[in-house]
């Protein structure tokens, strides 16, 4: 039986010159942090234990950086799992979504490490050349961009409004099943599921920006969002 979070937090070594009030509050917070990590581990275990997801029956096609048309199955390469991100950079947009951009930067930094265990692909509705041009502007060199051939993929996955052409991001994980592909997991938080005053987001946040800001006394802020450029 593992020790309780309170017992483990009691092993904390005080920082020099901290007050008794700070020590008590920090130890109590540490116990909560230990519980949070354990809960994240439980959620990750439940995710891994999901039964086989729906079979992908549609023949989704994508254009790669070489102009070749590939199937979803082809994107796995020699891996059994495919991690994908659909970003909001359709042909109607002059510039990509700042939030998607913020997420893809750290993903680019970790892409080579991720590919040791899974395949990784970024989908967008804009031509690959346009996506790559922006990636080069940002200094991204490790992501592989693909244009959806037609809009069947974004429409089927609910990330494109056919009337307004409004787009939504999607993090989705697929799994090989013999010669076929199944959906393993996708982000499903919507605005209707969000707590009052909060943006819809799953747990944990996939973008490290928010996790870093959560460590600070100012937090995330009520109205602040990342931008593509700053003065």
Protein backbone atom coordinates (compact mmCIF):
# COMPACT_ATOMS: atom_id res chain seq x y z
CA UNK A 1 0.00 0.00 0.00
CA UNK A 2 1.62 3.32 -1.00
CA UNK A 3 2.06 6.02 1.57
CA UNK A 4 -0.61 8.71 1.70
CA UNK A 5 0.00 12.05 0.07
CA UNK A 6 0.01 13.67 3.52
CA UNK A 7 2.71 11.28 4.74
CA UNK A 8 4.82 11.90 1.66
CA UNK A 9 4.38 15.67 1.87
CA UNK A 10 5.61 15.54 5.46
CA UNK A 11 9.04 14.50 4.08
CA UNK A 12 9.40 17.94 2.49
CA UNK A 13 12.61 19.81 3.33
CA UNK A 14 11.94 23.45 4.27
CA UNK A 15 13.48 26.27 2.26
CA UNK A 16 15.84 28.63 4.12
CA UNK A 17 14.11 31.38 6.10
CA UNK A 18 10.55 30.33 5.24
CA UNK A 19 7.89 31.28 7.74
CA UNK A 20 5.86 28.75 9.68
CA UNK A 21 2.74 29.88 7.76
CA UNK A 22 4.48 29.31 4.43
CA UNK A 23 5.78 25.91 5.54
CA UNK A 24 2.31 24.71 6.56
CA UNK A 25 0.65 26.01 3.40
CA UNK A 26 3.37 24.64 1.12
CA UNK A 27 3.26 21.21 2.74
CA UNK A 28 -0.53 21.12 2.36
CA UNK A 29 -0.19 22.16 -1.29
CA UNK A 30 2.47 19.49 -1.86
CA UNK A 31 0.04 16.84 -0.65
CA UNK A 32 -2.49 18.10 -3.20
CA UNK A 33 0.18 18.04 -5.94
CA UNK A 34 0.97 14.42 -5.09
CA UNK A 35 -2.74 13.58 -5.28
CA UNK A 36 -2.98 15.38 -8.63
CA UNK A 37 -0.12 13.34 -10.07
CA UNK A 38 -1.73 10.14 -8.87
CA UNK A 39 -5.02 11.17 -10.44
CA UNK A 40 -3.31 11.97 -13.75
CA UNK A 41 -1.73 8.51 -13.63
CA UNK A 42 -5.16 6.94 -13.03
CA UNK A 43 -6.68 8.86 -15.95
CA UNK A 44 -3.80 7.83 -18.22
CA UNK A 45 -4.28 4.18 -17.19
CA UNK A 46 -8.02 4.38 -17.91
CA UNK A 47 -7.24 5.87 -21.32
CA UNK A 48 -4.84 3.03 -22.13
CA UNK A 49 -7.52 0.51 -21.12
CA UNK A 50 -10.14 1.82 -23.53
CA UNK A 51 -11.72 -0.99 -25.58
CA UNK A 52 -11.13 -0.96 -29.35
CA UNK A 53 -12.42 2.28 -30.79
CA UNK A 54 -14.51 2.77 -33.92
CA UNK A 55 -13.12 1.45 -37.17
CA UNK A 56 -12.17 4.19 -39.61
CA UNK A 57 -14.13 3.14 -42.69
CA UNK A 58 -13.76 6.33 -44.74
CA UNK A 59 -10.83 6.48 -47.15
CA UNK A 60 -9.33 9.72 -45.87
CA UNK A 61 -6.56 11.07 -48.06
CA UNK A 62 -3.85 13.63 -47.36
CA UNK A 63 -1.24 15.42 -49.45
CA UNK A 64 2.26 15.26 -48.00
CA UNK A 65 5.22 17.60 -48.42
CA UNK A 66 6.26 15.83 -51.63
CA UNK A 67 2.86 16.32 -53.21
CA UNK A 68 2.02 12.63 -52.88
CA UNK A 69 -1.45 11.54 -51.84
CA UNK A 70 -1.36 9.19 -48.85
CA UNK A 71 -3.92 7.28 -46.80
CA UNK A 72 -4.35 7.58 -43.06
CA UNK A 73 -2.87 4.08 -42.76
CA UNK A 74 0.27 5.20 -44.62
CA UNK A 75 1.03 7.83 -41.99
CA UNK A 76 1.78 5.17 -39.38
CA UNK A 77 5.03 4.13 -41.05
CA UNK A 78 6.52 1.39 -38.90
CA UNK A 79 4.61 2.44 -35.77
CA UNK A 80 1.33 1.08 -34.41
CA UNK A 81 0.10 4.41 -33.05
CA UNK A 82 -0.43 7.71 -34.86
CA UNK A 83 -0.70 10.99 -32.95
CA UNK A 84 -2.33 13.75 -35.03
CA UNK A 85 -3.23 17.40 -34.62
CA UNK A 86 -5.62 19.27 -36.90
CA UNK A 87 -4.78 22.96 -36.73
CA UNK A 88 -6.86 25.95 -37.65
CA UNK A 89 -5.08 27.15 -40.79
CA UNK A 90 -7.58 26.73 -43.57
CA UNK A 91 -7.33 28.61 -46.87
CA UNK A 92 -9.84 31.17 -45.58
CA UNK A 93 -7.46 32.31 -42.83
CA UNK A 94 -4.80 34.95 -43.50
CA UNK A 95 -2.73 33.61 -40.58
CA UNK A 96 -2.98 30.49 -38.41
CA UNK A 97 -4.78 30.34 -35.09
CA UNK A 98 -2.47 31.71 -32.34
CA UNK A 99 -3.52 28.98 -29.90
CA UNK A 100 -2.75 26.23 -32.42
CA UNK A 101 0.56 27.93 -33.15
CA UNK A 102 1.39 28.01 -29.46
CA UNK A 103 0.70 24.29 -29.16
CA UNK A 104 2.65 23.28 -32.27
CA UNK A 105 5.84 25.04 -31.19
CA UNK A 106 6.49 22.72 -28.23
CA UNK A 107 5.23 19.76 -30.28
CA UNK A 108 7.88 20.58 -32.88
CA UNK A 109 10.54 20.66 -30.15
CA UNK A 110 9.54 17.16 -29.02
CA UNK A 111 8.75 15.67 -32.43
CA UNK A 112 11.96 13.66 -32.83
CA UNK A 113 11.58 12.18 -29.35
CA UNK A 114 7.93 11.36 -29.93
CA UNK A 115 8.75 9.55 -33.17
CA UNK A 116 10.81 7.04 -31.26
CA UNK A 117 7.51 5.64 -29.97
CA UNK A 118 4.68 6.89 -32.21
CA UNK A 119 4.04 8.35 -35.63
CA UNK A 120 3.21 12.06 -35.70
CA UNK A 121 1.32 14.13 -38.27
CA UNK A 122 -0.17 17.62 -38.47
CA UNK A 123 -3.26 18.13 -40.62
CA UNK A 124 -4.52 21.37 -42.12
CA UNK A 125 -6.85 22.43 -44.91
CA UNK A 126 -4.34 24.82 -46.47
CA UNK A 127 -1.88 23.55 -49.09
CA UNK A 128 1.16 21.89 -47.55
CA UNK A 129 3.43 24.57 -49.05
CA UNK A 130 1.53 27.25 -47.17
CA UNK A 131 1.73 25.32 -43.91
CA UNK A 132 5.45 24.70 -44.34
CA UNK A 133 6.10 28.36 -45.17
CA UNK A 134 4.62 29.38 -41.83
CA UNK A 135 6.54 26.59 -40.08
CA UNK A 136 9.78 27.93 -41.50
CA UNK A 137 8.83 31.40 -40.33
CA UNK A 138 8.47 30.03 -36.80
CA UNK A 139 11.63 27.91 -36.98
CA UNK A 140 9.80 24.60 -36.89
CA UNK A 141 11.88 21.93 -38.62
CA UNK A 142 10.61 18.64 -37.18
CA UNK A 143 6.87 18.58 -37.87
CA UNK A 144 5.36 16.87 -40.92
CA UNK A 145 2.43 18.73 -42.40
CA UNK A 146 -0.36 17.29 -44.52
CA UNK A 147 -3.26 18.87 -46.34
CA UNK A 148 -6.60 17.13 -46.08
CA UNK A 149 -7.73 16.10 -49.56
CA UNK A 150 -11.22 17.54 -49.61
CA UNK A 151 -13.05 18.27 -46.39
CA UNK A 152 -14.37 14.82 -45.51
CA UNK A 153 -11.92 14.38 -42.60
CA UNK A 154 -12.61 17.74 -40.89
CA UNK A 155 -16.34 17.43 -41.54
CA UNK A 156 -16.59 13.88 -40.21
CA UNK A 157 -14.61 14.77 -37.10
CA UNK A 158 -16.63 17.91 -36.46
CA UNK A 159 -13.80 20.41 -36.80
CA UNK A 160 -15.22 22.31 -39.79
CA UNK A 161 -18.54 24.12 -39.99
CA UNK A 162 -19.71 23.56 -43.57
CA UNK A 163 -21.79 26.76 -43.59
CA UNK A 164 -19.34 29.26 -42.10
CA UNK A 165 -16.05 27.42 -42.73
CA UNK A 166 -15.19 28.02 -39.08
CA UNK A 167 -12.53 25.57 -37.90
CA UNK A 168 -11.78 23.92 -34.57
CA UNK A 169 -8.61 22.15 -33.43
CA UNK A 170 -8.48 18.42 -32.88
CA UNK A 171 -5.98 16.19 -31.14
CA UNK A 172 -6.64 12.60 -32.18
CA UNK A 173 -4.81 9.31 -31.70
CA UNK A 174 -5.27 6.38 -34.06
CA UNK A 175 -4.23 2.76 -33.72
CA UNK A 176 -3.45 0.08 -36.29
CA UNK A 177 -5.72 -2.95 -36.28
CA UNK A 178 -4.19 -5.34 -38.78
CA UNK A 179 -4.58 -3.66 -42.16
CA UNK A 180 -7.17 -1.24 -40.81
CA UNK A 181 -7.21 1.79 -38.54
CA UNK A 182 -9.25 2.49 -35.43
CA UNK A 183 -9.71 5.69 -33.49
CA UNK A 184 -8.08 5.20 -30.11
CA UNK A 185 -8.86 8.57 -28.49
CA UNK A 186 -9.66 12.16 -29.41
CA UNK A 187 -10.23 15.34 -27.48
CA UNK A 188 -13.94 15.74 -26.86
CA UNK A 189 -14.23 18.73 -24.55
CA UNK A 190 -16.71 21.29 -25.90
CA UNK A 191 -17.90 24.67 -24.73
CA UNK A 192 -20.99 23.05 -23.21
CA UNK A 193 -18.74 20.93 -20.98
CA UNK A 194 -16.57 23.80 -19.72
CA UNK A 195 -16.94 25.17 -16.21
CA UNK A 196 -18.37 28.70 -16.01
CA UNK A 197 -15.84 31.28 -17.12
CA UNK A 198 -13.43 28.63 -18.41
CA UNK A 199 -12.35 27.65 -21.89
CA UNK A 200 -13.11 24.04 -22.86
CA UNK A 201 -10.02 21.99 -22.16
CA UNK A 202 -9.19 18.47 -21.19
CA UNK A 203 -6.82 17.36 -18.50
CA UNK A 204 -3.96 17.71 -18.52
CA UNK A 205 -3.50 20.72 -20.80
CA UNK A 206 -1.61 19.58 -23.88
CA UNK A 207 0.06 22.99 -24.34
CA UNK A 208 2.82 23.58 -21.74
CA UNK A 209 2.16 27.34 -21.81
CA UNK A 210 -0.77 26.98 -19.44
CA UNK A 211 0.98 24.53 -17.12
CA UNK A 212 3.90 26.96 -16.79
CA UNK A 213 1.59 29.90 -16.05
CA UNK A 214 -0.26 27.83 -13.45
CA UNK A 215 3.01 27.78 -11.47
CA UNK A 216 3.07 31.57 -11.17
CA UNK A 217 1.31 33.85 -8.66
CA UNK A 218 -0.51 35.66 -11.49
CA UNK A 219 -1.75 32.43 -13.06
CA UNK A 220 -3.23 32.29 -16.55
CA UNK A 221 -5.09 35.56 -16.30
CA UNK A 222 -8.76 36.04 -17.08
CA UNK A 223 -8.56 37.42 -20.61
CA UNK A 224 -4.98 36.88 -21.82
CA UNK A 225 -4.27 34.67 -24.83
CA UNK A 226 -1.09 34.14 -26.86
CA UNK A 227 -0.55 36.07 -30.09
CA UNK A 228 1.41 35.34 -33.23
CA UNK A 229 3.58 38.43 -32.75
CA UNK A 230 4.45 40.73 -29.86
CA UNK A 231 5.88 44.25 -29.82
